[in-house]
Amino acid sequence: MNSPLRAPRIIATEPALRELANQLQSEALLAVDTESNSLFAYREQVCLIQISTRQQDWLIDPLAIEDVSPLGPLFADERIEKVFHAAEYDLMCLKRDFGFTFSHLFDTMISARIIGRKAIGLANMLEEYFGLQVDKRFQRADWSVRPLPADQLRYAQQDTHYLPMLRDILLEQMQQKGVLAEAREVFARLAEVPPAEHSFDPEGFWRINAARDFTRRQMAILKELYLLRNQLAERRNRPPFKIFSDETLARIAQGQPESLAELAELPGMSHGQLERYGHAVLQAVQRGQKAKPPVRPDRSPRADAATMARYDALHEWRKARAAERGVESDVILSKEVLWALARNPPASLDDLDRVPGLGPWKRERYGAQLLDVLARLVQQDG
């Protein structure tokens, strides 16, 4: 089923957006997606909002429209179901950029995981259910460019056009498996995801894997290079990884070059990087050589033996339940819930009400089993 799509409507003015928002108030279901420019800007922003009903597709240009607030009441309306695929990041970005709130969500990726599908990507499901071959060229496109090419707009349209039908298919499968209530519980919690943040962590250099075994002096140099990369990225409005990769920063810190010639010999250094940033890099190396070595931030204290024993037992229980259902382990319970149970073990079903992330469906389905796992550990210790 690879039939041609009717051309989407482009919404690029505030009057057109207000008219659309009024029109969509009577809809029972809206499919939603966004496109951002995270691969091309220091601070990403939502560059396109796609909305589809069962009859029509719209592409909304927030770069052309100063005020997109007319969409807010639609997203917050409990009467209108909003269908996303892998909603979390879209929601975080929409909340960050526009302050929207959300209710009555349906996530097709989460639904696919709950019924035990292995291929949960949207392209996989569009091909399986609708015979659609998605052009993957645009997955890494710059969505801030204007005008957007027609084939790129068509790609964006496809991301929401088929979601209402895909939602219907997955809804039926969840009903057959008796897990729709579980999904609804997850969707409700998904609506509360916090906004994304435009932030820079000056201590982030500690998380660079390539520097795991560095000396304290090398870490001091790496810190200066890491701070420099952020400054350059902000100045040029580029993602930091497009200035230097983590691996290149680590090689510079390890090699400690003293000249442009030595810097040029390091793997990962391009001629353009050398020309644009070479002198600044050498100065950062010199600052790091003279600076007081940084102190690693305190790590979270390791759990005590009893807590670890409870966590391990719960982890094994979760693994067994996931195998029985044919789903990934975190579909049963998240790692955060396991730790909450291990650190503050409940003694009764009422105690489970206070465990963050453990909703009514999961408490009813798994509560007695969880208490049994924890009680057996107490008996063994006794």
Protein backbone atom coordinates (compact mmCIF):
# COMPACT_ATOMS: atom_id res chain seq x y z
CA MET A 1 0.00 0.00 0.00
CA ASN A 2 2.31 2.73 -1.27
CA SER A 3 -0.34 5.06 -2.72
CA PRO A 4 0.47 8.74 -3.37
CA LEU A 5 -0.31 11.12 -0.53
CA ARG A 6 -2.42 14.21 -0.97
CA ALA A 7 -0.18 17.26 -0.59
CA PRO A 8 0.00 18.57 2.98
CA ARG A 9 -1.11 22.06 3.88
CA ILE A 10 1.77 24.36 4.86
CA ILE A 11 0.99 26.64 7.80
CA ALA A 12 3.43 29.57 7.91
CA THR A 13 1.36 32.52 9.19
CA GLU A 14 -0.32 33.25 12.51
CA PRO A 15 -3.82 33.72 10.99
CA ALA A 16 -3.54 30.35 9.23
CA LEU A 17 -2.42 28.71 12.48
CA ARG A 18 -5.30 30.18 14.46
CA GLU A 19 -7.73 28.98 11.81
CA LEU A 20 -6.20 25.49 11.92
CA ALA A 21 -6.33 25.36 15.72
CA ASN A 22 -10.03 26.26 15.66
CA GLN A 23 -10.66 23.59 13.03
CA LEU A 24 -8.83 20.88 15.01
CA GLN A 25 -10.77 21.49 18.23
CA SER A 26 -13.49 19.14 17.00
CA GLU A 27 -11.11 16.27 16.20
CA ALA A 28 -10.95 13.18 18.40
CA LEU A 29 -7.38 12.28 17.37
CA LEU A 30 -4.30 14.14 16.20
CA ALA A 31 -1.04 12.54 15.08
CA VAL A 32 1.97 14.72 15.96
CA ASP A 33 5.69 14.79 15.22
CA THR A 34 8.46 17.37 15.16
CA GLU A 35 11.72 17.97 13.32
CA SER A 36 14.63 19.82 14.94
CA ASN A 37 18.10 20.97 13.95
CA SER A 38 20.14 19.29 16.69
CA LEU A 39 22.81 18.17 14.24
CA PHE A 40 23.38 21.69 12.93
CA ALA A 41 23.03 24.20 15.79
CA TYR A 42 24.54 24.83 19.21
CA ARG A 43 21.09 25.25 20.72
CA GLU A 44 18.63 23.09 18.86
CA GLN A 45 15.09 24.22 18.26
CA VAL A 46 11.92 22.73 16.85
CA CYS A 47 11.89 23.65 13.16
CA LEU A 48 8.75 21.88 11.97
CA ILE A 49 5.60 20.54 13.63
CA GLN A 50 3.63 17.91 11.74
CA ILE A 51 -0.02 17.28 12.56
CA SER A 52 -2.35 14.79 10.87
CA THR A 53 -5.96 13.82 11.31
CA ARG A 54 -7.46 10.80 9.61
CA GLN A 55 -8.25 13.00 6.60
CA GLN A 56 -5.56 15.68 6.24
CA ASP A 57 -1.91 16.50 6.96
CA TRP A 58 -0.46 19.86 8.00
CA LEU A 59 3.14 21.04 8.29
CA ILE A 60 3.51 23.99 10.67
CA ASP A 61 6.57 26.25 10.38
CA PRO A 62 7.47 27.61 13.84
CA LEU A 63 10.43 29.46 12.34
CA ALA A 64 7.99 31.62 10.33
CA ILE A 65 5.32 31.93 13.03
CA GLU A 66 6.27 33.98 16.06
CA ASP A 67 3.36 32.78 18.22
CA VAL A 68 2.43 29.10 18.05
CA SER A 69 0.44 29.20 21.30
CA PRO A 70 -2.88 28.37 19.53
CA LEU A 71 -1.65 24.76 19.48
CA GLY A 72 -1.39 24.69 23.27
CA PRO A 73 -5.07 24.06 24.09
CA LEU A 74 -5.16 21.20 21.57
CA PHE A 75 -2.21 19.43 23.17
CA ALA A 76 -3.61 19.93 26.68
CA ASP A 77 -7.18 18.88 25.80
CA GLU A 78 -8.15 15.61 27.51
CA ARG A 79 -10.79 14.96 24.84
CA ILE A 80 -8.28 14.84 21.97
CA GLU A 81 -5.94 11.86 21.72
CA LYS A 82 -2.44 12.84 20.59
CA VAL A 83 -0.58 10.06 18.78
CA PHE A 84 3.23 10.12 18.61
CA HIS A 85 5.91 7.62 17.73
CA ALA A 86 8.68 7.73 20.39
CA ALA A 87 7.09 10.78 21.97
CA GLU A 88 9.50 11.53 24.79
CA TYR A 89 11.99 13.75 22.99
CA ASP A 90 9.31 15.49 20.93
CA LEU A 91 7.45 16.32 24.14
CA MET A 92 10.61 17.56 25.85
CA CYS A 93 11.44 19.85 22.93
CA LEU A 94 7.88 21.17 22.53
CA LYS A 95 7.75 21.93 26.24
CA ARG A 96 11.15 23.63 26.16
CA ASP A 97 10.51 25.80 23.10
CA PHE A 98 6.84 26.65 23.55
CA GLY A 99 5.81 25.77 27.11
CA PHE A 100 3.12 23.31 25.99
CA THR A 101 1.52 20.78 28.31
CA PHE A 102 0.12 17.44 27.18
CA SER A 103 -2.61 14.97 28.07
CA HIS A 104 -4.25 11.89 26.53
CA LEU A 105 -1.25 10.51 24.69
CA PHE A 106 -0.79 7.37 22.61
CA ASP A 107 2.76 6.33 21.72
CA THR A 108 3.09 3.76 18.93
CA MET A 109 6.68 2.87 19.84
CA ILE A 110 5.80 2.19 23.47
CA SER A 111 2.79 0.18 22.30
CA ALA A 112 5.01 -1.91 20.04
CA ARG A 113 7.36 -2.64 22.95
CA ILE A 114 4.50 -3.60 25.27
CA ILE A 115 3.17 -6.20 22.82
CA GLY A 116 6.68 -7.60 22.38
CA ARG A 117 7.61 -6.40 18.90
CA LYS A 118 11.33 -6.54 18.18
CA ALA A 119 11.36 -4.06 15.26
CA ILE A 120 9.92 -0.92 16.85
CA GLY A 121 11.24 1.77 14.49
CA LEU A 122 8.62 3.73 12.62
CA ALA A 123 10.18 2.90 9.25
CA ASN A 124 10.02 -0.83 10.06
CA MET A 125 6.34 -0.68 10.94
CA LEU A 126 5.38 1.56 8.02
CA GLU A 127 6.97 -0.94 5.68
CA GLU A 128 5.39 -3.98 7.38
CA TYR A 129 1.87 -2.65 7.72
CA PHE A 130 1.59 -0.21 4.80
CA GLY A 131 4.26 -1.31 2.31
CA LEU A 132 5.94 2.09 2.56
CA GLN A 133 9.64 2.51 1.86
CA VAL A 134 10.84 5.49 3.89
CA ASP A 135 13.60 7.59 2.34
CA LYS A 136 16.17 7.66 5.13
CA ARG A 137 18.21 10.46 3.52
CA PHE A 138 16.33 13.04 5.55
CA GLN A 139 16.89 11.53 8.99
CA ARG A 140 19.98 13.72 9.33
CA ALA A 141 18.68 16.71 7.35
CA ASP A 142 18.97 20.34 8.44
CA TRP A 143 15.36 21.27 9.15
CA SER A 144 16.20 24.94 9.75
CA VAL A 145 16.94 25.51 6.05
CA ARG A 146 14.29 27.40 4.13
CA PRO A 147 12.70 26.71 1.77
CA LEU A 148 12.47 23.00 2.56
CA PRO A 149 12.62 20.81 -0.57
CA ALA A 150 9.38 19.11 -1.63
CA ASP A 151 10.74 15.59 -1.05
CA GLN A 152 11.88 16.58 2.45
CA LEU A 153 8.41 17.92 3.21
CA ARG A 154 6.91 14.66 1.96
CA TYR A 155 9.20 12.73 4.31
CA ALA A 156 7.97 14.85 7.22
CA GLN A 157 4.36 14.31 6.19
CA GLN A 158 4.78 10.53 6.19
CA ASP A 159 5.86 10.59 9.84
CA THR A 160 2.33 11.50 10.94
CA HIS A 161 0.09 10.55 8.00
CA TYR A 162 0.09 6.84 8.86
CA LEU A 163 0.12 7.17 12.66
CA PRO A 164 -3.69 7.09 13.12
CA MET A 165 -3.90 3.79 11.21
CA LEU A 166 -0.84 2.40 13.00
CA ARG A 167 -2.41 3.40 16.32
CA ASP A 168 -5.54 1.42 15.44
CA ILE A 169 -3.52 -1.70 14.61
CA LEU A 170 -1.49 -1.56 17.81
CA LEU A 171 -4.53 -0.71 19.92
CA GLU A 172 -6.26 -3.86 18.73
CA GLN A 173 -3.18 -5.97 19.42
CA MET A 174 -2.87 -4.56 22.95
CA GLN A 175 -6.54 -5.26 23.59
CA GLN A 176 -6.06 -8.85 22.44
CA LYS A 177 -3.10 -9.29 24.79
CA GLY A 178 -4.85 -7.58 27.70
CA VAL A 179 -2.16 -4.93 28.13
CA LEU A 180 -3.98 -1.76 27.07
CA ALA A 181 -4.38 -0.62 30.69
CA GLU A 182 -0.64 -1.04 31.16
CA ALA A 183 0.01 1.12 28.11
CA ARG A 184 -2.41 3.81 29.26
CA GLU A 185 -0.53 3.99 32.54
CA VAL A 186 2.77 4.50 30.73
CA PHE A 187 1.23 7.11 28.41
CA ALA A 188 -0.08 9.11 31.38
CA ARG A 189 3.38 9.14 32.98
CA LEU A 190 4.95 10.09 29.64
CA ALA A 191 2.90 13.30 29.57
CA GLU A 192 4.79 14.45 32.68
CA VAL A 193 8.26 14.27 31.12
CA PRO A 194 10.18 17.48 31.96
CA PRO A 195 11.20 19.99 29.28
CA ALA A 196 14.53 19.60 27.58
CA GLU A 197 17.16 22.08 28.71
CA HIS A 198 19.66 24.24 26.91
CA SER A 199 22.52 23.66 29.33
CA PHE A 200 26.23 23.02 29.39
CA ASP A 201 27.81 20.86 32.08
CA PRO A 202 31.36 22.13 32.74
CA GLU A 203 32.14 18.82 34.44
CA GLY A 204 31.08 16.76 31.42
CA PHE A 205 34.68 16.03 30.41
CA TRP A 206 34.77 13.37 33.16
CA ARG A 207 32.32 11.32 31.07
CA ILE A 208 34.53 11.11 27.99
CA ASN A 209 35.17 7.38 27.69
CA ALA A 210 38.45 7.74 25.80
CA ALA A 211 39.93 9.51 28.84
CA ARG A 212 38.96 6.91 31.39
CA ASP A 213 42.59 6.09 32.32
CA PHE A 214 44.08 9.58 32.01
CA THR A 215 46.48 11.04 34.53
CA ARG A 216 45.40 14.04 36.58
CA ARG A 217 47.50 16.32 34.37
CA GLN A 218 45.92 14.95 31.22
CA MET A 219 42.49 15.51 32.78
CA ALA A 220 43.44 19.14 33.47
CA ILE A 221 44.32 19.60 29.80
CA LEU A 222 41.17 17.78 28.71
CA LYS A 223 39.08 20.11 30.86
CA GLU A 224 40.55 23.18 29.14
CA LEU A 225 39.96 21.64 25.71
CA TYR A 226 36.40 20.71 26.65
CA LEU A 227 35.65 24.27 27.78
CA LEU A 228 37.25 25.66 24.63
CA ARG A 229 35.16 23.39 22.41
CA ASN A 230 31.97 24.67 24.02
CA GLN A 231 33.03 28.30 23.55
CA LEU A 232 33.82 27.70 19.89
CA ALA A 233 30.58 25.80 19.33
CA GLU A 234 28.48 28.58 20.87
CA ARG A 235 30.32 31.24 18.91
CA ARG A 236 29.87 29.42 15.60
CA ASN A 237 26.37 28.10 16.44
CA ARG A 238 27.45 24.55 15.82
CA PRO A 239 26.97 21.36 17.86
CA PRO A 240 30.11 20.75 19.95
CA PHE A 241 30.76 17.38 18.28
CA LYS A 242 31.10 19.20 14.95
CA ILE A 243 33.93 21.30 16.37
CA PHE A 244 35.90 18.34 17.78
CA SER A 245 34.84 14.82 18.63
CA ASP A 246 35.41 13.50 22.15
CA GLU A 247 38.05 11.17 20.75
CA THR A 248 39.97 14.06 19.18
CA LEU A 249 39.90 16.02 22.44
CA ALA A 250 41.28 12.98 24.25
CA ARG A 251 44.08 12.52 21.70
CA ILE A 252 45.11 16.16 22.06
CA ALA A 253 45.11 15.94 25.86
CA GLN A 254 47.15 12.78 25.73
CA GLY A 255 49.61 14.03 23.11
CA GLN A 256 50.03 17.53 24.59
CA PRO A 257 51.25 19.08 21.31
CA GLU A 258 53.45 22.15 21.55
CA SER A 259 53.23 23.32 17.94
CA LEU A 260 50.84 23.33 14.99
CA ALA A 261 53.04 20.74 13.32
CA GLU A 262 52.67 18.36 16.27
CA LEU A 263 48.94 19.06 16.44
CA ALA A 264 48.57 18.26 12.74
CA GLU A 265 50.07 14.80 13.26
CA LEU A 266 47.36 13.75 15.72
CA PRO A 267 44.66 11.42 14.34
CA GLY A 268 41.33 13.14 13.84
CA MET A 269 42.70 16.63 13.17
CA SER A 270 41.55 17.97 9.80
CA HIS A 271 43.21 20.78 7.90
CA GLY A 272 40.15 22.97 8.49
CA GLN A 273 40.21 22.37 12.23
CA LEU A 274 43.90 23.13 12.36
CA GLU A 275 43.45 26.35 10.43
CA ARG A 276 40.44 27.61 12.38
CA TYR A 277 41.22 26.43 15.90
CA GLY A 278 44.89 25.40 16.03
CA HIS A 279 46.28 28.32 18.01
CA ALA A 280 43.36 28.29 20.46
CA VAL A 281 43.90 24.56 21.02
CA LEU A 282 47.60 25.02 21.77
CA GLN A 283 46.76 27.77 24.26
CA ALA A 284 44.22 25.46 25.96
CA VAL A 285 46.89 22.76 26.24
CA GLN A 286 49.25 25.26 27.87
CA ARG A 287 46.55 26.37 30.33
CA GLY A 288 45.91 22.76 31.25
CA GLN A 289 49.60 22.09 31.81
CA LYS A 290 49.73 24.91 34.36
CA ALA A 291 46.31 24.51 35.95
CA LYS A 292 45.57 22.79 39.22
CA PRO A 293 44.33 19.27 38.37
CA PRO A 294 40.54 19.01 38.63
CA VAL A 295 38.91 16.95 41.37
CA ARG A 296 36.49 14.29 40.21
CA PRO A 297 32.94 14.98 41.46
CA ASP A 298 31.68 12.69 44.17
CA ARG A 299 30.00 9.63 42.76
CA SER A 300 26.77 8.29 44.17
CA PRO A 301 27.55 6.16 47.20
CA ARG A 302 27.51 2.45 46.49
CA ALA A 303 24.49 0.62 47.85
CA ASP A 304 25.05 -1.53 50.94
CA ALA A 305 25.12 -5.32 50.69
CA ALA A 306 21.49 -5.78 51.73
CA THR A 307 20.23 -3.27 49.19
CA MET A 308 22.34 -4.88 46.45
CA ALA A 309 20.97 -8.30 47.34
CA ARG A 310 17.41 -7.01 47.05
CA TYR A 311 18.17 -5.29 43.76
CA ASP A 312 19.79 -8.42 42.30
CA ALA A 313 16.83 -10.57 43.33
CA LEU A 314 14.35 -8.10 41.83
CA HIS A 315 16.48 -7.88 38.68
CA GLU A 316 16.36 -11.65 38.24
CA TRP A 317 12.61 -11.68 38.85
CA ARG A 318 12.14 -8.95 36.22
CA LYS A 319 14.27 -10.84 33.71
CA ALA A 320 12.14 -13.98 34.17
CA ARG A 321 8.83 -12.08 33.80
CA ALA A 322 10.10 -10.37 30.65
CA ALA A 323 11.07 -13.71 29.13
CA GLU A 324 7.61 -15.08 29.90
CA ARG A 325 5.93 -12.15 28.15
CA GLY A 326 8.43 -11.88 25.30
CA VAL A 327 9.25 -8.24 26.02
CA GLU A 328 12.30 -6.23 27.03
CA SER A 329 12.96 -6.20 30.79
CA ASP A 330 12.24 -2.50 31.29
CA VAL A 331 8.71 -3.01 29.95
CA ILE A 332 8.02 -4.94 33.15
CA LEU A 333 9.53 -2.37 35.52
CA SER A 334 12.12 0.34 35.04
CA LYS A 335 15.53 0.17 36.68
CA GLU A 336 14.55 3.22 38.75
CA VAL A 337 11.58 1.33 40.20
CA LEU A 338 13.80 -1.65 41.04
CA TRP A 339 16.20 0.60 42.95
CA ALA A 340 13.32 2.29 44.78
CA LEU A 341 12.05 -1.12 45.88
CA ALA A 342 15.52 -2.26 46.88
CA ARG A 343 16.37 0.84 48.91
CA ASN A 344 13.03 1.09 50.70
CA PRO A 345 11.56 -2.42 50.60
CA PRO A 346 7.77 -2.44 51.00
CA ALA A 347 6.20 -4.77 53.51
CA SER A 348 2.62 -4.65 52.23
CA LEU A 349 0.55 -3.90 49.16
CA ASP A 350 -0.31 -0.53 50.67
CA ASP A 351 3.41 0.30 50.86
CA LEU A 352 3.64 -0.19 47.09
CA ASP A 353 1.41 2.84 46.59
CA ARG A 354 4.34 5.02 47.63
CA VAL A 355 6.85 3.62 45.12
CA PRO A 356 7.50 6.22 42.37
CA GLY A 357 6.79 4.92 38.89
CA LEU A 358 4.79 1.92 40.06
CA GLY A 359 1.26 2.63 38.87
CA PRO A 360 -2.01 0.85 39.69
CA TRP A 361 -1.82 -1.65 36.81
CA LYS A 362 1.68 -2.77 37.67
CA ARG A 363 0.90 -2.91 41.39
CA GLU A 364 -2.08 -5.16 40.71
CA ARG A 365 -0.22 -7.31 38.19
CA TYR A 366 3.11 -7.66 40.00
CA GLY A 367 2.65 -6.39 43.56
CA ALA A 368 2.23 -9.76 45.28
CA GLN A 369 5.17 -11.21 43.34
CA LEU A 370 7.42 -8.31 44.32
CA LEU A 371 6.54 -8.66 47.98
CA ASP A 372 7.20 -12.40 47.75
CA VAL A 373 10.67 -11.84 46.27
CA LEU A 374 11.57 -9.43 49.06
CA ALA A 375 10.05 -11.64 51.80
CA ARG A 376 12.09 -14.65 50.66
CA LEU A 377 15.27 -12.61 51.11
CA VAL A 378 14.26 -11.75 54.67
CA GLN A 379 13.65 -15.43 55.39
CA GLN A 380 17.05 -16.37 53.95
CA ASP A 381 18.77 -13.74 56.10
CA GLY A 382 16.89 -14.99 59.14
